[in-house]
Amino acid sequence: MKKRQLGSVCLVLLLSTVARAEDLPAENALAFPLTPPAIDAASWVLMDATTGQILTAGNPDERRNPASLTKLMTGYVVDRAIDKKRISRDDIVTVGKDAWAAGNPVFKGSSLMFLKPGDKVTVRDLSRGVIIDSGNDACVALADYVAGSQSSFVDLMNQYVGKLGMANSHFETVHGLDAPGQYTTARDLAILSRAIISGEPDFYQMYSEKSLTWNGITQQNRNGLLWDKTLHVDGLKTGHTESAGFNLIASSVDGQRRLIAVVMGGKSPKGREEQARKLLTWGQSNFDTVQLFHAGKEIGHEKVWYGSPRSVPLGSEKDIYLSLPRDEVQKIKARYVVENKNLEAPLKLHEQVGTIQLVDGDKLLTSYPLVTLQSVEQAGIFTRISDYIQRKL
């Protein structure tokens, strides 16, 4: 096994740009001696959106009623249908009677876009009604259009639960009104929020809209942090039922860094905002998101026996980012480890030959695959004979 020191992380890292990136492996989750703020809620999570790292959490896997945070999955399923060209944002949807609140006891006292049967509304405007107005009627209209029925749409929602790795979530409704067997967690909602943010930019911008006027009725977005002048919050959603308490997911951009705060079971509308504000402020004050390695950029090279060429450049196949406490960045060093001290041809492009490791003194913090950045074919017979003799001497 060969080890190559790459030096202090501060010498090889650059401040990150927001992009989709390789997640920190769960088994290598980092822990640093920072004191997070005290949060007055049933459960919460603060996630770095670029890396997917959980920076702090309380009861993150406690199953709770999502209330209208369910609508994040509704919007996500609609967005995937658009991606797959099954529908478009400009499609015209004719609103059916099951999306009409009048005489429907399920919708009594709940959030609505105030649709009427026969209304013709674009997918885009219905999506805005889901996100901004938290309209339960808009959820039903979209579900019918995308999947033919609410039950079929719920099946799609739960399929995406599995695809996203939301291990503690299950949906029974398209809108989030209380239903037996419906639950999710703060961690799962952070995962879903990250997927939404990294999806279609023109869809995500709807989450930052502060109001929507439809049928002569103007409603304000219930996410009060959109008006905060210091946090630069641009989404995502609130939710509330008696059993759920007051829920909020807020995403804030600080320069080119983005954090996601999930608060579930807050005490009041203002209370959930204050708890999310504390999380976002603490994260922005204490952490930096840095780019460790660029996809395809050489960080070292090794001799290859019996090969042509005679050596191979090594690096990462993907961009790798990490969120680190600002005071810790100077202390962390990087090195790579080649598992076999004698590499032999042939080698494939992006074949893993070792690991890239981050260390703090003698402590291994995390590791990533070290791969070849080009293929290496077997050399000619004379080179192979020469190498064989050298290795035997």
Protein backbone atom coordinates (compact mmCIF):
# COMPACT_ATOMS: atom_id res chain seq x y z
CA MET A 1 0.00 0.00 0.00
CA LYS A 2 1.42 3.38 -1.03
CA LYS A 3 0.57 6.67 0.65
CA ARG A 4 1.09 10.03 -0.99
CA GLN A 5 0.65 13.19 1.09
CA LEU A 6 -1.15 15.94 -0.80
CA GLY A 7 -0.51 18.59 1.82
CA SER A 8 -2.76 20.88 3.79
CA VAL A 9 -6.31 20.96 2.57
CA CYS A 10 -6.16 24.73 2.37
CA LEU A 11 -3.54 24.36 -0.39
CA VAL A 12 -5.54 22.04 -2.60
CA LEU A 13 -9.11 23.18 -1.93
CA LEU A 14 -10.99 25.97 -3.62
CA LEU A 15 -14.17 27.62 -2.42
CA SER A 16 -16.99 25.66 -3.99
CA THR A 17 -19.47 26.71 -6.59
CA VAL A 18 -23.00 25.40 -6.13
CA ALA A 19 -23.34 22.29 -8.23
CA ARG A 20 -24.46 18.76 -7.96
CA ALA A 21 -21.73 16.90 -6.07
CA GLU A 22 -20.78 13.55 -4.62
CA ASP A 23 -22.40 13.10 -1.21
CA LEU A 24 -20.31 12.41 1.82
CA PRO A 25 -20.70 8.69 2.55
CA ALA A 26 -23.05 8.22 5.50
CA GLU A 27 -20.69 5.86 7.24
CA ASN A 28 -18.03 8.59 7.17
CA ALA A 29 -20.20 11.41 8.52
CA LEU A 30 -18.00 14.06 10.08
CA ALA A 31 -18.35 15.33 13.63
CA PHE A 32 -16.69 18.50 14.89
CA PRO A 33 -16.65 20.09 18.35
CA LEU A 34 -19.12 22.87 17.59
CA THR A 35 -22.05 23.77 19.82
CA PRO A 36 -25.25 24.11 17.76
CA PRO A 37 -28.09 26.39 18.81
CA ALA A 38 -30.87 25.12 21.08
CA ILE A 39 -33.93 24.47 18.92
CA ASP A 40 -37.48 24.51 20.30
CA ALA A 41 -39.19 21.97 18.03
CA ALA A 42 -39.92 18.25 17.91
CA SER A 43 -37.29 17.51 15.26
CA TRP A 44 -34.95 19.44 12.99
CA VAL A 45 -32.12 19.16 10.48
CA LEU A 46 -29.60 21.58 9.00
CA MET A 47 -28.15 20.30 5.72
CA ASP A 48 -25.49 21.66 3.38
CA ALA A 49 -27.26 21.53 0.02
CA THR A 50 -24.08 21.07 -2.03
CA THR A 51 -22.64 18.13 -0.11
CA GLY A 52 -25.75 16.64 1.49
CA GLN A 53 -24.00 16.71 4.89
CA ILE A 54 -26.10 17.07 8.02
CA LEU A 55 -24.43 19.86 10.02
CA THR A 56 -26.67 19.49 13.07
CA ALA A 57 -29.90 17.67 13.86
CA GLY A 58 -32.36 16.78 16.59
CA ASN A 59 -34.52 13.65 16.29
CA PRO A 60 -33.91 13.68 12.51
CA ASP A 61 -35.44 10.22 11.95
CA GLU A 62 -38.52 10.63 14.14
CA ARG A 63 -41.58 9.85 12.02
CA ARG A 64 -44.00 12.76 12.02
CA ASN A 65 -47.03 14.06 10.15
CA PRO A 66 -45.74 16.13 7.22
CA ALA A 67 -48.90 18.25 6.80
CA SER A 68 -48.47 20.52 3.76
CA LEU A 69 -44.77 19.67 3.44
CA THR A 70 -46.27 16.72 1.52
CA LYS A 71 -46.72 19.20 -1.33
CA LEU A 72 -42.96 19.19 -1.88
CA MET A 73 -43.28 15.62 -3.11
CA THR A 74 -46.35 16.55 -5.14
CA GLY A 75 -44.34 19.26 -6.88
CA TYR A 76 -41.39 16.92 -7.33
CA VAL A 77 -43.53 14.29 -9.08
CA VAL A 78 -45.01 16.94 -11.39
CA ASP A 79 -41.51 18.19 -12.22
CA ARG A 80 -40.35 14.66 -13.06
CA ALA A 81 -43.34 14.22 -15.39
CA ILE A 82 -42.26 17.40 -17.16
CA ASP A 83 -38.66 16.16 -17.37
CA LYS A 84 -39.88 12.95 -18.99
CA LYS A 85 -41.91 14.94 -21.56
CA ARG A 86 -45.14 13.34 -20.40
CA ILE A 87 -46.57 16.80 -19.78
CA SER A 88 -45.39 20.40 -20.18
CA ARG A 89 -45.72 23.46 -18.00
CA ASP A 90 -47.93 25.07 -20.65
CA ASP A 91 -50.43 22.21 -20.81
CA ILE A 92 -54.00 23.32 -20.06
CA VAL A 93 -55.71 21.38 -17.27
CA THR A 94 -59.50 21.31 -16.99
CA VAL A 95 -60.35 21.28 -13.28
CA GLY A 96 -62.64 18.42 -12.23
CA LYS A 97 -65.28 18.33 -9.52
CA ASP A 98 -63.06 16.42 -7.09
CA ALA A 99 -60.79 19.50 -6.93
CA TRP A 100 -63.72 21.76 -5.99
CA ALA A 101 -63.80 22.75 -2.33
CA ALA A 102 -67.52 23.59 -2.19
CA GLY A 103 -69.37 20.77 -0.47
CA ASN A 104 -66.17 18.71 -0.03
CA PRO A 105 -65.74 18.06 3.71
CA VAL A 106 -62.10 16.99 3.20
CA PHE A 107 -61.16 20.54 2.23
CA LYS A 108 -63.18 22.33 4.91
CA GLY A 109 -61.07 25.05 6.54
CA SER A 110 -57.94 24.08 4.56
CA SER A 111 -55.65 25.99 2.21
CA LEU A 112 -57.03 26.47 -1.30
CA MET A 113 -56.23 28.08 -4.62
CA PHE A 114 -60.03 28.51 -5.02
CA LEU A 115 -60.47 26.56 -8.23
CA LYS A 116 -63.86 25.82 -9.75
CA PRO A 117 -64.97 22.86 -11.90
CA GLY A 118 -64.37 23.60 -15.55
CA ASP A 119 -61.61 26.14 -14.89
CA LYS A 120 -58.83 25.85 -17.44
CA VAL A 121 -55.46 26.36 -15.81
CA THR A 122 -51.89 25.74 -16.99
CA VAL A 123 -49.69 23.22 -15.22
CA ARG A 124 -47.40 26.13 -14.36
CA ASP A 125 -50.14 28.09 -12.60
CA LEU A 126 -51.44 25.02 -10.78
CA SER A 127 -47.89 24.36 -9.58
CA ARG A 128 -47.71 27.94 -8.30
CA GLY A 129 -51.00 27.36 -6.53
CA VAL A 130 -49.52 24.31 -4.81
CA ILE A 131 -46.32 26.06 -3.78
CA ILE A 132 -47.43 29.62 -2.97
CA ASP A 133 -51.07 29.17 -1.88
CA SER A 134 -50.53 25.62 -0.53
CA GLY A 135 -53.72 24.86 -2.44
CA ASN A 136 -55.12 21.41 -1.72
CA ASP A 137 -57.47 21.81 -4.70
CA ALA A 138 -54.51 22.51 -7.00
CA CYS A 139 -52.83 19.30 -5.77
CA VAL A 140 -55.88 17.27 -6.74
CA ALA A 141 -56.17 18.90 -10.16
CA LEU A 142 -52.50 18.17 -10.92
CA ALA A 143 -52.71 14.61 -9.59
CA ASP A 144 -55.70 13.85 -11.83
CA TYR A 145 -53.94 15.32 -14.84
CA VAL A 146 -50.56 13.65 -14.31
CA ALA A 147 -51.68 10.20 -13.13
CA GLY A 148 -55.41 9.95 -13.83
CA SER A 149 -56.39 9.81 -10.16
CA GLN A 150 -55.19 10.79 -6.72
CA SER A 151 -54.47 7.17 -5.76
CA SER A 152 -52.30 6.61 -8.84
CA PHE A 153 -50.43 9.85 -8.13
CA VAL A 154 -49.81 8.77 -4.53
CA ASP A 155 -48.28 5.57 -5.93
CA LEU A 156 -45.87 7.74 -7.93
CA MET A 157 -45.04 9.75 -4.82
CA ASN A 158 -44.07 6.61 -2.94
CA GLN A 159 -42.04 5.32 -5.86
CA TYR A 160 -39.93 8.48 -5.70
CA VAL A 161 -39.64 8.04 -1.94
CA GLY A 162 -37.74 4.84 -2.71
CA LYS A 163 -35.66 6.33 -5.51
CA LEU A 164 -34.53 9.24 -3.34
CA GLY A 165 -33.65 7.00 -0.40
CA MET A 166 -36.22 8.54 1.95
CA ALA A 167 -36.08 5.60 4.34
CA ASN A 168 -38.73 6.81 6.79
CA SER A 169 -41.43 8.30 4.58
CA HIS A 170 -44.77 7.16 3.22
CA PHE A 171 -47.53 9.23 1.67
CA GLU A 172 -51.27 8.58 1.60
CA THR A 173 -52.52 11.88 0.16
CA VAL A 174 -51.47 14.33 -2.54
CA HIS A 175 -51.92 17.37 -0.29
CA GLY A 176 -50.86 16.39 3.24
CA LEU A 177 -54.13 16.57 5.15
CA ASP A 178 -54.03 14.11 8.05
CA ALA A 179 -54.31 10.47 6.98
CA PRO A 180 -53.49 7.19 8.76
CA GLY A 181 -50.15 5.75 7.67
CA GLN A 182 -48.76 9.03 6.34
CA TYR A 183 -45.40 10.07 7.79
CA THR A 184 -41.98 11.46 7.04
CA THR A 185 -38.92 12.78 8.90
CA ALA A 186 -36.81 15.91 9.02
CA ARG A 187 -33.91 14.06 7.38
CA ASP A 188 -36.07 12.73 4.54
CA LEU A 189 -37.55 16.15 3.87
CA ALA A 190 -34.04 17.64 3.66
CA ILE A 191 -33.16 14.97 1.09
CA LEU A 192 -36.30 15.79 -0.90
CA SER A 193 -35.67 19.54 -0.69
CA ARG A 194 -32.14 19.09 -1.97
CA ALA A 195 -33.47 17.09 -4.94
CA ILE A 196 -35.99 19.84 -5.72
CA ILE A 197 -33.34 22.57 -5.56
CA SER A 198 -30.99 20.68 -7.87
CA GLY A 199 -33.81 19.96 -10.35
CA GLU A 200 -35.23 22.49 -12.79
CA PRO A 201 -34.18 26.10 -11.90
CA ASP A 202 -37.29 27.68 -13.46
CA PHE A 203 -39.47 25.37 -11.37
CA TYR A 204 -37.61 26.03 -8.14
CA GLN A 205 -37.89 29.80 -8.51
CA MET A 206 -41.63 29.44 -7.79
CA TYR A 207 -40.75 28.68 -4.17
CA SER A 208 -39.45 32.23 -3.75
CA GLU A 209 -42.60 33.95 -5.03
CA LYS A 210 -44.22 35.92 -2.23
CA SER A 211 -47.81 36.04 -3.48
CA LEU A 212 -50.23 34.69 -6.07
CA THR A 213 -53.43 36.22 -7.38
CA TRP A 214 -56.02 33.83 -8.83
CA ASN A 215 -59.70 34.42 -9.54
CA GLY A 216 -59.34 37.88 -8.02
CA ILE A 217 -57.99 36.50 -4.74
CA THR A 218 -54.45 37.41 -3.65
CA GLN A 219 -52.73 35.15 -1.13
CA GLN A 220 -49.36 35.58 0.54
CA ASN A 221 -46.74 32.85 0.74
CA ARG A 222 -46.80 31.58 4.35
CA ASN A 223 -43.01 31.30 4.49
CA GLY A 224 -42.29 34.50 6.40
CA LEU A 225 -38.51 34.08 5.99
CA LEU A 226 -38.86 35.08 2.34
CA TRP A 227 -39.10 38.65 3.67
CA ASP A 228 -35.97 38.34 5.85
CA LYS A 229 -33.39 40.87 4.64
CA THR A 230 -30.31 39.07 6.00
CA LEU A 231 -30.74 35.37 5.22
CA HIS A 232 -31.58 35.45 1.49
CA VAL A 233 -34.16 32.67 1.81
CA ASP A 234 -35.63 31.54 -1.55
CA GLY A 235 -37.84 28.61 -0.46
CA LEU A 236 -39.25 26.15 0.37
CA LYS A 237 -42.53 25.49 2.26
CA THR A 238 -44.59 25.64 5.44
CA GLY A 239 -47.09 23.15 6.83
CA HIS A 240 -49.48 22.87 9.74
CA THR A 241 -52.14 20.59 11.16
CA GLU A 242 -53.12 20.03 14.78
CA SER A 243 -51.25 16.73 14.91
CA ALA A 244 -48.18 17.95 13.00
CA GLY A 245 -47.62 21.26 14.74
CA PHE A 246 -45.95 24.04 12.78
CA ASN A 247 -43.50 22.85 10.12
CA LEU A 248 -41.11 24.82 7.95
CA ILE A 249 -38.38 24.11 5.42
CA ALA A 250 -36.24 27.12 4.52
CA SER A 251 -33.31 27.27 2.12
CA SER A 252 -30.87 30.16 2.32
CA VAL A 253 -28.11 31.23 -0.05
CA ASP A 254 -24.98 32.90 1.31
CA GLY A 255 -22.73 33.83 -1.60
CA GLN A 256 -22.39 30.55 -3.45
CA ARG A 257 -23.26 28.39 -0.43
CA ARG A 258 -26.73 27.01 0.26
CA LEU A 259 -28.15 25.58 3.48
CA ILE A 260 -31.46 23.80 4.09
CA ALA A 261 -33.17 24.01 7.49
CA VAL A 262 -36.05 21.66 8.34
CA VAL A 263 -38.13 22.37 11.46
CA MET A 264 -40.98 20.02 12.41
CA GLY A 265 -43.37 20.35 15.33
CA GLY A 266 -42.75 24.02 16.04
CA LYS A 267 -44.92 25.89 18.54
CA SER A 268 -46.28 28.67 16.29
CA PRO A 269 -45.86 30.25 12.84
CA LYS A 270 -43.35 32.77 14.19
CA GLY A 271 -41.74 30.13 16.38
CA ARG A 272 -40.92 27.83 13.46
CA GLU A 273 -39.41 30.78 11.58
CA GLU A 274 -37.25 31.72 14.55
CA GLN A 275 -35.93 28.16 14.92
CA ALA A 276 -35.10 27.92 11.21
CA ARG A 277 -33.44 31.34 11.37
CA LYS A 278 -31.23 30.17 14.25
CA LEU A 279 -30.16 27.08 12.31
CA LEU A 280 -29.38 28.97 9.11
CA THR A 281 -27.51 31.75 10.91
CA TRP A 282 -25.41 29.26 12.88
CA GLY A 283 -24.55 27.29 9.73
CA GLN A 284 -23.59 30.36 7.75
CA SER A 285 -21.44 31.71 10.59
CA ASN A 286 -19.50 28.52 11.30
CA PHE A 287 -19.10 26.52 8.08
CA ASP A 288 -17.58 26.86 4.64
CA THR A 289 -18.31 24.61 1.69
CA VAL A 290 -15.08 23.85 -0.14
CA GLN A 291 -14.24 21.93 -3.26
CA LEU A 292 -11.68 19.27 -2.48
CA PHE A 293 -11.08 17.82 -5.93
CA HIS A 294 -12.16 18.55 -9.48
CA ALA A 295 -13.47 15.78 -11.70
CA GLY A 296 -10.71 14.53 -13.98
CA LYS A 297 -7.97 16.74 -12.52
CA GLU A 298 -4.71 14.94 -11.76
CA ILE A 299 -3.63 14.87 -8.12
CA GLY A 300 -0.79 12.38 -8.61
CA HIS A 301 0.57 9.71 -10.92
CA GLU A 302 1.97 6.21 -10.50
CA LYS A 303 4.21 3.86 -12.46
CA VAL A 304 2.41 1.06 -14.31
CA TRP A 305 4.28 -2.19 -14.90
CA TYR A 306 3.94 -3.80 -18.36
CA GLY A 307 2.00 -0.75 -19.54
CA SER A 308 1.89 1.78 -22.33
CA PRO A 309 2.09 4.55 -21.31
CA ARG A 310 4.49 3.83 -18.47
CA SER A 311 2.55 5.80 -15.83
CA VAL A 312 -1.03 6.75 -15.15
CA PRO A 313 -2.53 10.00 -13.77
CA LEU A 314 -4.77 9.56 -10.74
CA GLY A 315 -7.58 11.66 -9.35
CA SER A 316 -11.33 11.78 -8.72
CA GLU A 317 -13.95 10.83 -11.27
CA LYS A 318 -16.36 13.39 -9.79
CA ASP A 319 -16.29 16.82 -8.26
CA ILE A 320 -15.98 16.38 -4.50
CA TYR A 321 -17.16 19.00 -2.02
CA LEU A 322 -17.12 19.08 1.75
CA SER A 323 -18.62 21.38 4.37
CA LEU A 324 -16.09 22.14 7.10
CA PRO A 325 -16.00 24.40 10.17
CA ARG A 326 -14.01 27.49 9.27
CA ASP A 327 -11.59 26.96 12.14
CA GLU A 328 -10.87 23.37 11.04
CA VAL A 329 -9.98 23.98 7.38
CA GLN A 330 -6.35 24.85 8.13
CA LYS A 331 -5.84 21.68 10.20
CA ILE A 332 -7.04 19.08 7.71
CA LYS A 333 -4.66 17.42 5.28
CA ALA A 334 -5.28 15.28 2.22
CA ARG A 335 -3.44 12.21 0.97
CA TYR A 336 -4.06 9.40 -1.45
CA VAL A 337 -3.49 5.73 -0.87
CA VAL A 338 -2.82 3.23 -3.67
CA GLU A 339 -3.96 -0.20 -2.51
CA ASN A 340 -1.50 -2.17 -4.68
CA LYS A 341 2.03 -0.79 -4.62
CA ASN A 342 2.67 -2.39 -8.03
CA LEU A 343 0.06 -1.33 -10.58
CA GLU A 344 -0.04 -3.57 -13.65
CA ALA A 345 -1.49 -3.04 -17.11
CA PRO A 346 -4.10 -3.18 -18.44
CA LEU A 347 -6.01 -0.53 -16.50
CA LYS A 348 -9.41 0.84 -17.48
CA LEU A 349 -10.41 4.51 -17.47
CA HIS A 350 -11.83 5.42 -14.02
CA GLU A 351 -10.74 2.11 -12.51
CA GLN A 352 -10.49 2.47 -8.74
CA VAL A 353 -6.97 1.82 -7.50
CA GLY A 354 -7.14 3.31 -4.02
CA THR A 355 -8.65 6.07 -1.90
CA ILE A 356 -8.31 9.80 -1.37
CA GLN A 357 -8.27 10.42 2.37
CA LEU A 358 -8.84 13.46 4.54
CA VAL A 359 -7.05 13.33 7.87
CA ASP A 360 -6.84 15.49 10.98
CA GLY A 361 -3.59 14.42 12.56
CA ASP A 362 -3.85 10.65 12.92
CA LYS A 363 -7.65 10.67 12.62
CA LEU A 364 -9.19 9.59 9.31
CA LEU A 365 -12.15 11.86 8.64
CA THR A 366 -13.47 10.48 5.37
CA SER A 367 -12.33 8.91 2.10
CA TYR A 368 -13.27 8.93 -1.58
CA PRO A 369 -12.41 6.67 -4.54
CA LEU A 370 -9.05 7.24 -6.23
CA VAL A 371 -9.34 6.36 -9.91
CA THR A 372 -7.27 6.28 -13.06
CA LEU A 373 -7.80 9.27 -15.35
CA GLN A 374 -6.84 7.41 -18.50
CA SER A 375 -6.69 3.83 -19.66
CA VAL A 376 -3.38 1.97 -19.88
CA GLU A 377 -2.94 -0.81 -22.41
CA GLN A 378 -0.37 -3.61 -22.23
CA ALA A 379 2.97 -2.65 -23.70
CA GLY A 380 4.82 -4.58 -26.37
CA ILE A 381 6.57 -7.85 -25.69
CA PHE A 382 10.03 -6.34 -25.17
CA THR A 383 8.78 -3.82 -22.60
CA ARG A 384 6.90 -6.55 -20.75
CA ILE A 385 10.02 -8.77 -20.69
CA SER A 386 12.15 -5.86 -19.44
CA ASP A 387 9.67 -5.09 -16.66
CA TYR A 388 9.50 -8.73 -15.67
CA ILE A 389 13.28 -8.91 -15.31
CA GLN A 390 13.39 -5.67 -13.27
CA ARG A 391 10.79 -6.96 -10.83
CA LYS A 392 12.65 -10.24 -10.34
CA LEU A 393 16.03 -8.63 -9.66
